Every structure is written in C-alpha cells, then in structure tokens.
Amino acid sequence: MSIKGKAKEAAGYVKEEAYENGDSPESQRKAQEGRDLRNEGRIEDGKLPKTGKPGTEN
C-alpha cells in the first residue's frame, strides 16, 4: 500500500462525509469529488473501488 493512495482515500472519505448530507447541488458535487478521490486512492493501492450507495456498507 502506498502512502499517497492511503492519503487520497482518507482525504476523499473526509470530503465525502463533510458534504454528503447537503441539499445544494454544490454540496452534492463536492461529495462526489470526495468519492472519486477515495476510489482513486483505493485503485492505487490495488483495492476495488467502492461502488455501493453512499452511506451503506455495500
């Protein structure tokens, strides 16, 4: 596992959690950016991206 991949995954997780409950289009866009960043970090570390519905364990 790379430190860069872990940092991207952690930063994406924090950004997603911070904005996922917002109702504005801007909040939803930032939450999606967080999910994309998290998945980019997961792919760099050889893990599968999370594709389930946000807020679930799937």
C-alpha atoms as a PDB file:
ATOM      1  CA  MET A   1       0.000   0.000   0.000  1.00  0.00           C
ATOM      2  CA  SER A   2       1.292   3.409  -0.889  1.00  0.00           C
ATOM      3  CA  ILE A   3       1.172   6.370   1.419  1.00  0.00           C
ATOM      4  CA  LYS A   4      -0.105   8.501  -1.452  1.00  0.00           C
ATOM      5  CA  GLY A   5      -3.004   6.113  -2.092  1.00  0.00           C
ATOM      6  CA  LYS A   6      -3.899   5.946   1.603  1.00  0.00           C
ATOM      7  CA  ALA A   7      -3.805   9.756   1.857  1.00  0.00           C
ATOM      8  CA  LYS A   8      -6.094  10.125  -1.167  1.00  0.00           C
ATOM      9  CA  GLU A   9      -8.513   7.565   0.231  1.00  0.00           C
ATOM     10  CA  ALA A  10      -8.603   9.279   3.633  1.00  0.00           C
ATOM     11  CA  ALA A  11      -8.988  12.777   2.179  1.00  0.00           C
ATOM     12  CA  GLY A  12     -11.756  11.599  -0.139  1.00  0.00           C
ATOM     13  CA  TYR A  13     -13.567   9.943   2.747  1.00  0.00           C
ATOM     14  CA  VAL A  14     -13.434  13.129   4.836  1.00  0.00           C
ATOM     15  CA  LYS A  15     -14.637  15.299   1.953  1.00  0.00           C
ATOM     16  CA  GLU A  16     -17.476  12.917   1.137  1.00  0.00           C
ATOM     17  CA  GLU A  17     -18.624  12.742   4.763  1.00  0.00           C
ATOM     18  CA  ALA A  18     -18.472  16.525   5.136  1.00  0.00           C
ATOM     19  CA  TYR A  19     -20.728  17.223   2.160  1.00  0.00           C
ATOM     20  CA  GLU A  20     -22.929  14.164   1.594  1.00  0.00           C
ATOM     21  CA  ASN A  21     -25.868  15.423   3.666  1.00  0.00           C
ATOM     22  CA  GLY A  22     -26.070  18.815   1.969  1.00  0.00           C
ATOM     23  CA  ASP A  23     -29.056  19.507  -0.239  1.00  0.00           C
ATOM     24  CA  SER A  24     -27.469  22.032  -2.572  1.00  0.00           C
ATOM     25  CA  PRO A  25     -26.027  20.986  -5.933  1.00  0.00           C
ATOM     26  CA  GLU A  26     -22.659  22.347  -4.755  1.00  0.00           C
ATOM     27  CA  SER A  27     -22.655  20.017  -1.728  1.00  0.00           C
ATOM     28  CA  GLN A  28     -23.575  17.028  -3.874  1.00  0.00           C
ATOM     29  CA  ARG A  29     -20.802  17.890  -6.359  1.00  0.00           C
ATOM     30  CA  LYS A  30     -18.211  18.132  -3.570  1.00  0.00           C
ATOM     31  CA  ALA A  31     -19.396  14.834  -2.076  1.00  0.00           C
ATOM     32  CA  GLN A  32     -18.965  13.183  -5.499  1.00  0.00           C
ATOM     33  CA  GLU A  33     -15.469  14.663  -5.767  1.00  0.00           C
ATOM     34  CA  GLY A  34     -14.695  13.074  -2.397  1.00  0.00           C
ATOM     35  CA  ARG A  35     -15.995   9.680  -3.562  1.00  0.00           C
ATOM     36  CA  ASP A  36     -13.915   9.945  -6.742  1.00  0.00           C
ATOM     37  CA  LEU A  37     -10.779  10.843  -4.772  1.00  0.00           C
ATOM     38  CA  ARG A  38     -11.378   7.990  -2.320  1.00  0.00           C
ATOM     39  CA  ASN A  39     -11.785   5.496  -5.150  1.00  0.00           C
ATOM     40  CA  GLU A  40      -8.692   6.814  -6.926  1.00  0.00           C
ATOM     41  CA  GLY A  41      -6.676   6.136  -3.772  1.00  0.00           C
ATOM     42  CA  ARG A  42      -8.203   2.660  -3.422  1.00  0.00           C
ATOM     43  CA  ILE A  43      -7.296   1.797  -7.024  1.00  0.00           C
ATOM     44  CA  GLU A  44      -3.708   2.988  -6.488  1.00  0.00           C
ATOM     45  CA  ASP A  45      -3.462   0.587  -3.549  1.00  0.00           C
ATOM     46  CA  GLY A  46      -4.828  -2.333  -5.572  1.00  0.00           C
ATOM     47  CA  LYS A  47      -8.267  -2.376  -3.933  1.00  0.00           C
ATOM     48  CA  LEU A  48     -11.593  -2.368  -5.702  1.00  0.00           C
ATOM     49  CA  PRO A  49     -13.401   0.979  -5.791  1.00  0.00           C
ATOM     50  CA  LYS A  50     -16.453   1.398  -3.594  1.00  0.00           C
ATOM     51  CA  THR A  51     -19.470   1.429  -5.875  1.00  0.00           C
ATOM     52  CA  GLY A  52     -22.312   0.996  -3.387  1.00  0.00           C
ATOM     53  CA  LYS A  53     -24.817   3.623  -2.423  1.00  0.00           C
ATOM     54  CA  PRO A  54     -23.234   6.291  -0.174  1.00  0.00           C
ATOM     55  CA  GLY A  55     -23.992   5.760   3.492  1.00  0.00           C
ATOM     56  CA  THR A  56     -24.232   1.976   3.234  1.00  0.00           C
ATOM     57  CA  GLU A  57     -21.680  -0.739   3.767  1.00  0.00           C
ATOM     58  CA  ASN A  58     -22.368  -2.223   0.308  1.00  0.00           C
END
